[in-house]
Amino acid sequence: MIEAYVNFGLSAPSTYRLVFCSHGRHLSPRSQDLVERLGERGFKVLLDVVTEIDAQGRLRNTTPAAAAQVLWASGHGLASLLITQVGRQWSPADELTKALLDGMFDGLVSD
C-alpha cells in the first residue's frame, strides 16, 4: 500500500500535492471536504490492514494507529521529497521505497 502511495505521488504529482500536501483553504468548501475525505479514506484502508496485523499478535511495541501513522508519514515523506527535490541525485525511487519499507516493517512487525 505504501509502495502504491509513493508510486501514485510520482505518477500524478499535481493530484498528490492537492490531496496530501495542501491545506485546502484555497478550495471551495465542497472541494475541500471532498479532498479531506479522500485522504481519510486512504488512511483508513492502511489502518485496517495494520489493525489486522495487530490482531495476529505481530505488531511490535505500538498501537495500530501509531504504526499506521508512522508508515503513512514515512511514505509521504519519501514521495514528497522525490516530487519537490527533483534536483537531488536520488537513488531510483523503487530502491528507496524498498529500503524504506524493509526498515519500517523490520521495526514494526514480527515474523
PDB file of N, CA and C in Angstrom:
ATOM      1  N   MET A   1       0.815  -1.193   0.000  1.00  0.00           N
ATOM      2  CA  MET A   1       0.000   0.000   0.000  1.00  0.00           C
ATOM      3  C   MET A   1       0.865   1.266   0.000  1.00  0.00           C
ATOM      4  N   ILE A   2       1.924   1.254   0.792  1.00  0.00           N
ATOM      5  CA  ILE A   2       2.813   2.411   0.828  1.00  0.00           C
ATOM      6  C   ILE A   2       3.555   2.542  -0.498  1.00  0.00           C
ATOM      7  N   GLU A   3       3.924   1.420  -1.073  1.00  0.00           N
ATOM      8  CA  GLU A   3       4.565   1.447  -2.386  1.00  0.00           C
ATOM      9  C   GLU A   3       3.623   2.076  -3.420  1.00  0.00           C
ATOM     10  N   ALA A   4       2.363   1.697  -3.384  1.00  0.00           N
ATOM     11  CA  ALA A   4       1.375   2.270  -4.301  1.00  0.00           C
ATOM     12  C   ALA A   4       1.200   3.769  -4.033  1.00  0.00           C
ATOM     13  N   TYR A   5       1.243   4.152  -2.768  1.00  0.00           N
ATOM     14  CA  TYR A   5       1.115   5.555  -2.387  1.00  0.00           C
ATOM     15  C   TYR A   5       2.261   6.376  -2.986  1.00  0.00           C
ATOM     16  N   VAL A   6       3.494   5.888  -2.834  1.00  0.00           N
ATOM     17  CA  VAL A   6       4.655   6.585  -3.387  1.00  0.00           C
ATOM     18  C   VAL A   6       4.560   6.631  -4.911  1.00  0.00           C
ATOM     19  N   ASN A   7       4.215   5.510  -5.511  1.00  0.00           N
ATOM     20  CA  ASN A   7       4.095   5.465  -6.973  1.00  0.00           C
ATOM     21  C   ASN A   7       3.024   6.416  -7.480  1.00  0.00           C
ATOM     22  N   PHE A   8       1.905   6.505  -6.762  1.00  0.00           N
ATOM     23  CA  PHE A   8       0.863   7.454  -7.136  1.00  0.00           C
ATOM     24  C   PHE A   8       1.414   8.874  -7.109  1.00  0.00           C
ATOM     25  N   GLY A   9       2.131   9.217  -6.047  1.00  0.00           N
ATOM     26  CA  GLY A   9       2.702  10.553  -5.950  1.00  0.00           C
ATOM     27  C   GLY A   9       3.627  10.878  -7.096  1.00  0.00           C
ATOM     28  N   LEU A  10       4.418   9.908  -7.490  1.00  0.00           N
ATOM     29  CA  LEU A  10       5.371  10.139  -8.571  1.00  0.00           C
ATOM     30  C   LEU A  10       4.706  10.176  -9.941  1.00  0.00           C
ATOM     31  N   SER A  11       3.622   9.435 -10.093  1.00  0.00           N
ATOM     32  CA  SER A  11       2.945   9.405 -11.399  1.00  0.00           C
ATOM     33  C   SER A  11       1.935  10.543 -11.567  1.00  0.00           C
ATOM     34  N   ALA A  12       1.451  11.090 -10.464  1.00  0.00           N
ATOM     35  CA  ALA A  12       0.469  12.181 -10.526  1.00  0.00           C
ATOM     36  C   ALA A  12       0.815  13.242  -9.483  1.00  0.00           C
ATOM     37  N   PRO A  13       1.959  13.903  -9.627  1.00  0.00           N
ATOM     38  CA  PRO A  13       2.410  14.821  -8.583  1.00  0.00           C
ATOM     39  C   PRO A  13       1.460  15.983  -8.284  1.00  0.00           C
ATOM     40  N   SER A  14       0.777  16.504  -9.269  1.00  0.00           N
ATOM     41  CA  SER A  14      -0.151  17.610  -9.006  1.00  0.00           C
ATOM     42  C   SER A  14      -1.334  17.147  -8.165  1.00  0.00           C
ATOM     43  N   THR A  15      -1.892  15.999  -8.511  1.00  0.00           N
ATOM     44  CA  THR A  15      -3.005  15.457  -7.735  1.00  0.00           C
ATOM     45  C   THR A  15      -2.539  15.083  -6.336  1.00  0.00           C
ATOM     46  N   TYR A  16      -1.366  14.473  -6.242  1.00  0.00           N
ATOM     47  CA  TYR A  16      -0.804  14.095  -4.944  1.00  0.00           C
ATOM     48  C   TYR A  16      -0.675  15.323  -4.047  1.00  0.00           C
ATOM     49  N   ARG A  17      -0.116  16.390  -4.598  1.00  0.00           N
ATOM     50  CA  ARG A  17       0.044  17.618  -3.810  1.00  0.00           C
ATOM     51  C   ARG A  17      -1.299  18.161  -3.361  1.00  0.00           C
ATOM     52  N   LEU A  18      -2.281  18.135  -4.233  1.00  0.00           N
ATOM     53  CA  LEU A  18      -3.603  18.642  -3.888  1.00  0.00           C
ATOM     54  C   LEU A  18      -4.219  17.837  -2.746  1.00  0.00           C
ATOM     55  N   VAL A  19      -4.166  16.509  -2.845  1.00  0.00           N
ATOM     56  CA  VAL A  19      -4.836  15.653  -1.866  1.00  0.00           C
ATOM     57  C   VAL A  19      -4.032  15.523  -0.579  1.00  0.00           C
ATOM     58  N   PHE A  20      -2.716  15.385  -0.670  1.00  0.00           N
ATOM     59  CA  PHE A  20      -1.931  15.028   0.506  1.00  0.00           C
ATOM     60  C   PHE A  20      -0.986  16.109   1.015  1.00  0.00           C
ATOM     61  N   CYS A  21      -0.816  17.198   0.279  1.00  0.00           N
ATOM     62  CA  CYS A  21       0.125  18.237   0.703  1.00  0.00           C
ATOM     63  C   CYS A  21      -0.524  19.606   0.868  1.00  0.00           C
ATOM     64  N   SER A  22      -1.772  19.709   0.584  1.00  0.00           N
ATOM     65  CA  SER A  22      -2.448  21.001   0.574  1.00  0.00           C
ATOM     66  C   SER A  22      -3.299  21.160   1.829  1.00  0.00           C
ATOM     67  N   HIS A  23      -3.312  22.353   2.359  1.00  0.00           N
ATOM     68  CA  HIS A  23      -4.201  22.646   3.484  1.00  0.00           C
ATOM     69  C   HIS A  23      -5.639  22.799   3.000  1.00  0.00           C
ATOM     70  N   GLY A  24      -5.825  23.011   1.711  1.00  0.00           N
ATOM     71  CA  GLY A  24      -7.153  23.047   1.114  1.00  0.00           C
ATOM     72  C   GLY A  24      -7.911  24.338   1.251  1.00  0.00           C
ATOM     73  N   ARG A  25      -7.341  25.332   1.931  1.00  0.00           N
ATOM     74  CA  ARG A  25      -8.076  26.581   2.141  1.00  0.00           C
ATOM     75  C   ARG A  25      -8.315  27.360   0.852  1.00  0.00           C
ATOM     76  N   HIS A  26      -7.575  27.042  -0.195  1.00  0.00           N
ATOM     77  CA  HIS A  26      -7.766  27.719  -1.476  1.00  0.00           C
ATOM     78  C   HIS A  26      -8.904  27.077  -2.283  1.00  0.00           C
ATOM     79  N   LEU A  27      -9.445  25.982  -1.786  1.00  0.00           N
ATOM     80  CA  LEU A  27     -10.533  25.277  -2.464  1.00  0.00           C
ATOM     81  C   LEU A  27     -11.880  25.750  -1.949  1.00  0.00           C
ATOM     82  N   SER A  28     -12.912  25.469  -2.708  1.00  0.00           N
ATOM     83  CA  SER A  28     -14.259  25.742  -2.214  1.00  0.00           C
ATOM     84  C   SER A  28     -14.516  24.804  -1.039  1.00  0.00           C
ATOM     85  N   PRO A  29     -15.425  25.157  -0.136  1.00  0.00           N
ATOM     86  CA  PRO A  29     -15.714  24.261   0.995  1.00  0.00           C
ATOM     87  C   PRO A  29     -16.100  22.847   0.553  1.00  0.00           C
ATOM     88  N   ARG A  30     -16.858  22.740  -0.519  1.00  0.00           N
ATOM     89  CA  ARG A  30     -17.260  21.412  -1.013  1.00  0.00           C
ATOM     90  C   ARG A  30     -16.043  20.624  -1.494  1.00  0.00           C
ATOM     91  N   SER A  31     -15.170  21.262  -2.267  1.00  0.00           N
ATOM     92  CA  SER A  31     -13.976  20.589  -2.766  1.00  0.00           C
ATOM     93  C   SER A  31     -13.020  20.256  -1.630  1.00  0.00           C
ATOM     94  N   GLN A  32     -12.891  21.162  -0.677  1.00  0.00           N
ATOM     95  CA  GLN A  32     -12.025  20.918   0.479  1.00  0.00           C
ATOM     96  C   GLN A  32     -12.507  19.690   1.247  1.00  0.00           C
ATOM     97  N   ASP A  33     -13.802  19.586   1.452  1.00  0.00           N
ATOM     98  CA  ASP A  33     -14.371  18.435   2.152  1.00  0.00           C
ATOM     99  C   ASP A  33     -14.097  17.135   1.383  1.00  0.00           C
ATOM    100  N   LEU A  34     -14.256  17.186   0.081  1.00  0.00           N
ATOM    101  CA  LEU A  34     -14.017  16.009  -0.753  1.00  0.00           C
ATOM    102  C   LEU A  34     -12.554  15.556  -0.671  1.00  0.00           C
ATOM    103  N   VAL A  35     -11.625  16.500  -0.750  1.00  0.00           N
ATOM    104  CA  VAL A  35     -10.200  16.175  -0.677  1.00  0.00           C
ATOM    105  C   VAL A  35      -9.861  15.587   0.698  1.00  0.00           C
ATOM    106  N   GLU A  36     -10.401  16.171   1.756  1.00  0.00           N
ATOM    107  CA  GLU A  36     -10.145  15.651   3.106  1.00  0.00           C
ATOM    108  C   GLU A  36     -10.706  14.242   3.266  1.00  0.00           C
ATOM    109  N   ARG A  37     -11.895  14.001   2.761  1.00  0.00           N
ATOM    110  CA  ARG A  37     -12.483  12.654   2.863  1.00  0.00           C
ATOM    111  C   ARG A  37     -11.683  11.638   2.063  1.00  0.00           C
ATOM    112  N   LEU A  38     -11.164  12.040   0.927  1.00  0.00           N
ATOM    113  CA  LEU A  38     -10.341  11.149   0.120  1.00  0.00           C
ATOM    114  C   LEU A  38      -9.073  10.748   0.878  1.00  0.00           C
ATOM    115  N   GLY A  39      -8.410  11.703   1.485  1.00  0.00           N
ATOM    116  CA  GLY A  39      -7.218  11.408   2.279  1.00  0.00           C
ATOM    117  C   GLY A  39      -7.532  10.521   3.470  1.00  0.00           C
ATOM    118  N   GLU A  40      -8.617  10.803   4.160  1.00  0.00           N
ATOM    119  CA  GLU A  40      -9.015   9.995   5.319  1.00  0.00           C
ATOM    120  C   GLU A  40      -9.382   8.572   4.912  1.00  0.00           C
ATOM    121  N   ARG A  41     -10.025   8.430   3.776  1.00  0.00           N
ATOM    122  CA  ARG A  41     -10.403   7.093   3.303  1.00  0.00           C
ATOM    123  C   ARG A  41      -9.154   6.262   3.001  1.00  0.00           C
ATOM    124  N   GLY A  42      -8.172   6.884   2.393  1.00  0.00           N
ATOM    125  CA  GLY A  42      -6.920   6.182   2.127  1.00  0.00           C
ATOM    126  C   GLY A  42      -6.234   5.754   3.411  1.00  0.00           C
ATOM    127  N   PHE A  43      -6.217   6.642   4.404  1.00  0.00           N
ATOM    128  CA  PHE A  43      -5.593   6.284   5.677  1.00  0.00           C
ATOM    129  C   PHE A  43      -6.358   5.164   6.378  1.00  0.00           C
ATOM    130  N   LYS A  44      -7.671   5.183   6.285  1.00  0.00           N
ATOM    131  CA  LYS A  44      -8.480   4.137   6.935  1.00  0.00           C
ATOM    132  C   LYS A  44      -8.150   2.760   6.372  1.00  0.00           C
ATOM    133  N   VAL A  45      -7.928   2.653   5.080  1.00  0.00           N
ATOM    134  CA  VAL A  45      -7.556   1.371   4.472  1.00  0.00           C
ATOM    135  C   VAL A  45      -6.250   0.874   5.079  1.00  0.00           C
ATOM    136  N   LEU A  46      -5.267   1.762   5.195  1.00  0.00           N
ATOM    137  CA  LEU A  46      -3.992   1.399   5.800  1.00  0.00           C
ATOM    138  C   LEU A  46      -4.181   0.993   7.258  1.00  0.00           C
ATOM    139  N   LEU A  47      -4.930   1.759   8.002  1.00  0.00           N
ATOM    140  CA  LEU A  47      -5.177   1.451   9.417  1.00  0.00           C
ATOM    141  C   LEU A  47      -5.850   0.090   9.579  1.00  0.00           C
ATOM    142  N   ASP A  48      -6.781  -0.232   8.709  1.00  0.00           N
ATOM    143  CA  ASP A  48      -7.455  -1.533   8.787  1.00  0.00           C
ATOM    144  C   ASP A  48      -6.466  -2.683   8.603  1.00  0.00           C
ATOM    145  N   VAL A  49      -5.543  -2.534   7.672  1.00  0.00           N
ATOM    146  CA  VAL A  49      -4.537  -3.587   7.443  1.00  0.00           C
ATOM    147  C   VAL A  49      -3.620  -3.705   8.657  1.00  0.00           C
ATOM    148  N   VAL A  50      -3.173  -2.598   9.184  1.00  0.00           N
ATOM    149  CA  VAL A  50      -2.293  -2.637  10.359  1.00  0.00           C
ATOM    150  C   VAL A  50      -3.041  -3.210  11.560  1.00  0.00           C
ATOM    151  N   THR A  51      -4.316  -2.925  11.678  1.00  0.00           N
ATOM    152  CA  THR A  51      -5.126  -3.492  12.760  1.00  0.00           C
ATOM    153  C   THR A  51      -5.208  -5.011  12.625  1.00  0.00           C
ATOM    154  N   GLU A  52      -5.311  -5.512  11.416  1.00  0.00           N
ATOM    155  CA  GLU A  52      -5.293  -6.962  11.189  1.00  0.00           C
ATOM    156  C   GLU A  52      -3.966  -7.573  11.622  1.00  0.00           C
ATOM    157  N   ILE A  53      -2.871  -6.910  11.309  1.00  0.00           N
ATOM    158  CA  ILE A  53      -1.551  -7.385  11.725  1.00  0.00           C
ATOM    159  C   ILE A  53      -1.477  -7.431  13.246  1.00  0.00           C
ATOM    160  N   ASP A  54      -2.004  -6.413  13.896  1.00  0.00           N
ATOM    161  CA  ASP A  54      -2.024  -6.378  15.357  1.00  0.00           C
ATOM    162  C   ASP A  54      -2.876  -7.511  15.922  1.00  0.00           C
ATOM    163  N   ALA A  55      -4.009  -7.789  15.298  1.00  0.00           N
ATOM    164  CA  ALA A  55      -4.891  -8.868  15.758  1.00  0.00           C
ATOM    165  C   ALA A  55      -4.201 -10.233  15.671  1.00  0.00           C
ATOM    166  N   GLN A  56      -3.238 -10.364  14.786  1.00  0.00           N
ATOM    167  CA  GLN A  56      -2.462 -11.599  14.663  1.00  0.00           C
ATOM    168  C   GLN A  56      -1.330 -11.659  15.686  1.00  0.00           C
ATOM    169  N   GLY A  57      -1.183 -10.608  16.497  1.00  0.00           N
ATOM    170  CA  GLY A  57      -0.131 -10.560  17.502  1.00  0.00           C
ATOM    171  C   GLY A  57       1.247 -10.249  16.934  1.00  0.00           C
ATOM    172  N   ARG A  58       1.299  -9.644  15.760  1.00  0.00           N
ATOM    173  CA  ARG A  58       2.573  -9.421  15.088  1.00  0.00           C
ATOM    174  C   ARG A  58       3.070  -7.976  15.162  1.00  0.00           C
ATOM    175  N   LEU A  59       2.286  -7.078  15.716  1.00  0.00           N
ATOM    176  CA  LEU A  59       2.706  -5.682  15.788  1.00  0.00           C
ATOM    177  C   LEU A  59       3.554  -5.477  17.041  1.00  0.00           C
ATOM    178  N   ARG A  60       4.715  -4.896  16.862  1.00  0.00           N
ATOM    179  CA  ARG A  60       5.657  -4.707  17.970  1.00  0.00           C
ATOM    180  C   ARG A  60       5.462  -3.352  18.647  1.00  0.00           C
ATOM    181  N   ASN A  61       5.384  -3.343  19.938  1.00  0.00           N
ATOM    182  CA  ASN A  61       5.584  -2.170  20.795  1.00  0.00           C
ATOM    183  C   ASN A  61       4.843  -0.888  20.434  1.00  0.00           C
ATOM    184  N   THR A  62       3.726  -0.976  19.784  1.00  0.00           N
ATOM    185  CA  THR A  62       2.975   0.240  19.460  1.00  0.00           C
ATOM    186  C   THR A  62       1.529  -0.120  19.181  1.00  0.00           C
ATOM    187  N   THR A  63       0.732   0.877  18.983  1.00  0.00           N
ATOM    188  CA  THR A  63      -0.681   0.672  18.657  1.00  0.00           C
ATOM    189  C   THR A  63      -0.851   0.644  17.144  1.00  0.00           C
ATOM    190  N   PRO A  64      -1.944   0.065  16.670  1.00  0.00           N
ATOM    191  CA  PRO A  64      -2.197   0.108  15.229  1.00  0.00           C
ATOM    192  C   PRO A  64      -2.248   1.537  14.685  1.00  0.00           C
ATOM    193  N   ALA A  65      -2.856   2.445  15.434  1.00  0.00           N
ATOM    194  CA  ALA A  65      -2.956   3.833  14.959  1.00  0.00           C
ATOM    195  C   ALA A  65      -1.575   4.455  14.801  1.00  0.00           C
ATOM    196  N   ALA A  66      -0.701   4.275  15.796  1.00  0.00           N
ATOM    197  CA  ALA A  66       0.640   4.861  15.718  1.00  0.00           C
ATOM    198  C   ALA A  66       1.450   4.218  14.588  1.00  0.00           C
ATOM    199  N   ALA A  67       1.357   2.906  14.447  1.00  0.00           N
ATOM    200  CA  ALA A  67       2.096   2.220  13.382  1.00  0.00           C
ATOM    201  C   ALA A  67       1.622   2.688  12.008  1.00  0.00           C
ATOM    202  N   ALA A  68       0.308   2.803  11.812  1.00  0.00           N
ATOM    203  CA  ALA A  68      -0.229   3.258  10.531  1.00  0.00           C
ATOM    204  C   ALA A  68       0.192   4.695  10.249  1.00  0.00           C
ATOM    205  N   GLN A  69       0.190   5.537  11.279  1.00  0.00           N
ATOM    206  CA  GLN A  69       0.599   6.926  11.094  1.00  0.00           C
ATOM    207  C   GLN A  69       2.072   7.027  10.715  1.00  0.00           C
ATOM    208  N   VAL A  70       2.925   6.219  11.341  1.00  0.00           N
ATOM    209  CA  VAL A  70       4.353   6.228  11.025  1.00  0.00           C
ATOM    210  C   VAL A  70       4.593   5.695   9.607  1.00  0.00           C
ATOM    211  N   LEU A  71       3.893   4.636   9.246  1.00  0.00           N
ATOM    212  CA  LEU A  71       4.031   4.110   7.884  1.00  0.00           C
ATOM    213  C   LEU A  71       3.613   5.148   6.851  1.00  0.00           C
ATOM    214  N   TRP A  72       2.473   5.780   7.084  1.00  0.00           N
ATOM    215  CA  TRP A  72       1.983   6.789   6.149  1.00  0.00           C
ATOM    216  C   TRP A  72       2.954   7.971   6.080  1.00  0.00           C
ATOM    217  N   ALA A  73       3.412   8.410   7.251  1.00  0.00           N
ATOM    218  CA  ALA A  73       4.330   9.552   7.289  1.00  0.00           C
ATOM    219  C   ALA A  73       5.628   9.243   6.548  1.00  0.00           C
ATOM    220  N   SER A  74       6.133   8.039   6.690  1.00  0.00           N
ATOM    221  CA  SER A  74       7.379   7.699   6.007  1.00  0.00           C
ATOM    222  C   SER A  74       7.180   7.639   4.493  1.00  0.00           C
ATOM    223  N   GLY A  75       6.090   7.032   4.048  1.00  0.00           N
ATOM    224  CA  GLY A  75       5.796   7.003   2.615  1.00  0.00           C
ATOM    225  C   GLY A  75       5.545   8.399   2.069  1.00  0.00           C
ATOM    226  N   HIS A  76       4.834   9.199   2.848  1.00  0.00           N
ATOM    227  CA  HIS A  76       4.544  10.572   2.435  1.00  0.00           C
ATOM    228  C   HIS A  76       5.839  11.388   2.346  1.00  0.00           C
ATOM    229  N   GLY A  77       6.701  11.209   3.316  1.00  0.00           N
ATOM    230  CA  GLY A  77       7.968  11.936   3.297  1.00  0.00           C
ATOM    231  C   GLY A  77       8.790  11.600   2.064  1.00  0.00           C
ATOM    232  N   LEU A  78       8.873  10.315   1.754  1.00  0.00           N
ATOM    233  CA  LEU A  78       9.628   9.902   0.575  1.00  0.00           C
ATOM    234  C   LEU A  78       9.011  10.459  -0.699  1.00  0.00           C
ATOM    235  N   ALA A  79       7.713  10.283  -0.853  1.00  0.00           N
ATOM    236  CA  ALA A  79       7.042  10.786  -2.061  1.00  0.00           C
ATOM    237  C   ALA A  79       7.212  12.302  -2.184  1.00  0.00           C
ATOM    238  N   SER A  80       6.997  13.005  -1.087  1.00  0.00           N
ATOM    239  CA  SER A  80       7.098  14.466  -1.124  1.00  0.00           C
ATOM    240  C   SER A  80       8.502  14.932  -1.489  1.00  0.00           C
ATOM    241  N   LEU A  81       9.508  14.286  -0.917  1.00  0.00           N
ATOM    242  CA  LEU A  81      10.880  14.672  -1.249  1.00  0.00           C
ATOM    243  C   LEU A  81      11.215  14.381  -2.707  1.00  0.00           C
ATOM    244  N   LEU A  82      10.799  13.235  -3.199  1.00  0.00           N
ATOM    245  CA  LEU A  82      11.088  12.907  -4.593  1.00  0.00           C
ATOM    246  C   LEU A  82      10.387  13.864  -5.553  1.00  0.00           C
ATOM    247  N   ILE A  83       9.198  14.338  -5.175  1.00  0.00           N
ATOM    248  CA  ILE A  83       8.443  15.268  -6.022  1.00  0.00           C
ATOM    249  C   ILE A  83       9.022  16.677  -5.962  1.00  0.00           C
ATOM    250  N   THR A  84       9.394  17.129  -4.769  1.00  0.00           N
ATOM    251  CA  THR A  84       9.781  18.534  -4.607  1.00  0.00           C
ATOM    252  C   THR A  84      11.274  18.790  -4.734  1.00  0.00           C
ATOM    253  N   GLN A  85      12.085  17.779  -4.525  1.00  0.00           N
ATOM    254  CA  GLN A  85      13.543  17.960  -4.566  1.00  0.00           C
ATOM    255  C   GLN A  85      14.119  17.261  -5.800  1.00  0.00           C
ATOM    256  N   VAL A  86      13.611  17.645  -6.958  1.00  0.00           N
ATOM    257  CA  VAL A  86      13.960  16.957  -8.200  1.00  0.00           C
ATOM    258  C   VAL A  86      15.416  17.164  -8.613  1.00  0.00           C
ATOM    259  N   GLY A  87      16.066  18.184  -8.104  1.00  0.00           N
ATOM    260  CA  GLY A  87      17.451  18.445  -8.473  1.00  0.00           C
ATOM    261  C   GLY A  87      18.457  17.576  -7.739  1.00  0.00           C
ATOM    262  N   ARG A  88      18.026  16.852  -6.735  1.00  0.00           N
ATOM    263  CA  ARG A  88      18.938  15.984  -5.979  1.00  0.00           C
ATOM    264  C   ARG A  88      19.257  14.728  -6.771  1.00  0.00           C
ATOM    265  N   GLN A  89      20.350  14.122  -6.432  1.00  0.00           N
ATOM    266  CA  GLN A  89      20.779  12.887  -7.082  1.00  0.00           C
ATOM    267  C   GLN A  89      20.225  11.701  -6.293  1.00  0.00           C
ATOM    268  N   TRP A  90      18.922  11.478  -6.403  1.00  0.00           N
ATOM    269  CA  TRP A  90      18.261  10.397  -5.667  1.00  0.00           C
ATOM    270  C   TRP A  90      18.629   9.046  -6.281  1.00  0.00           C
ATOM    271  N   SER A  91      18.665   8.039  -5.430  1.00  0.00           N
ATOM    272  CA  SER A  91      18.707   6.661  -5.921  1.00  0.00           C
ATOM    273  C   SER A  91      17.375   6.398  -6.597  1.00  0.00           C
ATOM    274  N   PRO A  92      17.246   5.332  -7.389  1.00  0.00           N
ATOM    275  CA  PRO A  92      15.965   5.052  -8.037  1.00  0.00           C
ATOM    276  C   PRO A  92      14.826   4.940  -7.002  1.00  0.00           C
ATOM    277  N   ALA A  93      13.668   5.467  -7.375  1.00  0.00           N
ATOM    278  CA  ALA A  93      12.524   5.510  -6.456  1.00  0.00           C
ATOM    279  C   ALA A  93      12.141   4.127  -5.938  1.00  0.00           C
ATOM    280  N   ASP A  94      12.185   3.114  -6.781  1.00  0.00           N
ATOM    281  CA  ASP A  94      11.808   1.778  -6.317  1.00  0.00           C
ATOM    282  C   ASP A  94      12.809   1.248  -5.290  1.00  0.00           C
ATOM    283  N   GLU A  95      14.083   1.583  -5.450  1.00  0.00           N
ATOM    284  CA  GLU A  95      15.105   1.169  -4.483  1.00  0.00           C
ATOM    285  C   GLU A  95      14.898   1.882  -3.143  1.00  0.00           C
ATOM    286  N   LEU A  96      14.599   3.166  -3.194  1.00  0.00           N
ATOM    287  CA  LEU A  96      14.336   3.927  -1.973  1.00  0.00           C
ATOM    288  C   LEU A  96      13.087   3.411  -1.259  1.00  0.00           C
ATOM    289  N   THR A  97      12.058   3.130  -2.029  1.00  0.00           N
ATOM    290  CA  THR A  97      10.811   2.626  -1.439  1.00  0.00           C
ATOM    291  C   THR A  97      11.042   1.281  -0.765  1.00  0.00           C
ATOM    292  N   LYS A  98      11.769   0.396  -1.407  1.00  0.00           N
ATOM    293  CA  LYS A  98      12.057  -0.914  -0.821  1.00  0.00           C
ATOM    294  C   LYS A  98      12.851  -0.765   0.479  1.00  0.00           C
ATOM    295  N   ALA A  99      13.878   0.081   0.469  1.00  0.00           N
ATOM    296  CA  ALA A  99      14.687   0.296   1.673  1.00  0.00           C
ATOM    297  C   ALA A  99      13.839   0.874   2.803  1.00  0.00           C
ATOM    298  N   LEU A 100      12.973   1.811   2.471  1.00  0.00           N
ATOM    299  CA  LEU A 100      12.089   2.414   3.466  1.00  0.00           C
ATOM    300  C   LEU A 100      11.171   1.356   4.079  1.00  0.00           C
ATOM    301  N   LEU A 101      10.529   0.580   3.233  1.00  0.00           N
ATOM    302  CA  LEU A 101       9.580  -0.419   3.731  1.00  0.00           C
ATOM    303  C   LEU A 101      10.280  -1.533   4.503  1.00  0.00           C
ATOM    304  N   ASP A 102      11.429  -1.982   4.027  1.00  0.00           N
ATOM    305  CA  ASP A 102      12.177  -3.006   4.765  1.00  0.00           C
ATOM    306  C   ASP A 102      12.502  -2.518   6.172  1.00  0.00           C
ATOM    307  N   GLY A 103      12.988  -1.304   6.274  1.00  0.00           N
ATOM    308  CA  GLY A 103      13.328  -0.750   7.578  1.00  0.00           C
ATOM    309  C   GLY A 103      12.117  -0.564   8.469  1.00  0.00           C
ATOM    310  N   MET A 104      11.039  -0.052   7.914  1.00  0.00           N
ATOM    311  CA  MET A 104       9.832   0.178   8.702  1.00  0.00           C
ATOM    312  C   MET A 104       9.239  -1.138   9.192  1.00  0.00           C
ATOM    313  N   PHE A 105       9.100  -2.098   8.290  1.00  0.00           N
ATOM    314  CA  PHE A 105       8.463  -3.352   8.689  1.00  0.00           C
ATOM    315  C   PHE A 105       9.329  -4.176   9.623  1.00  0.00           C
ATOM    316  N   ASP A 106      10.646  -4.125   9.451  1.00  0.00           N
ATOM    317  CA  ASP A 106      11.523  -4.842  10.388  1.00  0.00           C
ATOM    318  C   ASP A 106      11.361  -4.305  11.792  1.00  0.00           C
ATOM    319  N   GLY A 107      11.105  -3.003  11.906  1.00  0.00           N
ATOM    320  CA  GLY A 107      10.933  -2.395  13.225  1.00  0.00           C
ATOM    321  C   GLY A 107       9.543  -2.536  13.806  1.00  0.00           C
ATOM    322  N   LEU A 108       8.539  -2.664  12.963  1.00  0.00           N
ATOM    323  CA  LEU A 108       7.154  -2.654  13.442  1.00  0.00           C
ATOM    324  C   LEU A 108       6.495  -4.012  13.528  1.00  0.00           C
ATOM    325  N   VAL A 109       6.905  -4.947  12.678  1.00  0.00           N
ATOM    326  CA  VAL A 109       6.173  -6.209  12.554  1.00  0.00           C
ATOM    327  C   VAL A 109       7.115  -7.395  12.785  1.00  0.00           C
ATOM    328  N   SER A 110       6.677  -8.329  13.616  1.00  0.00           N
ATOM    329  CA  SER A 110       7.450  -9.556  13.819  1.00  0.00           C
ATOM    330  C   SER A 110       7.014 -10.597  12.817  1.00  0.00           C
ATOM    331  N   ASP A 111       7.900 -11.547  12.556  1.00  0.00           N
ATOM    332  CA  ASP A 111       7.598 -12.619  11.592  1.00  0.00           C
ATOM    333  C   ASP A 111       6.539 -13.572  12.100  1.00  0.00           C
TER     334      ASP A 111
END
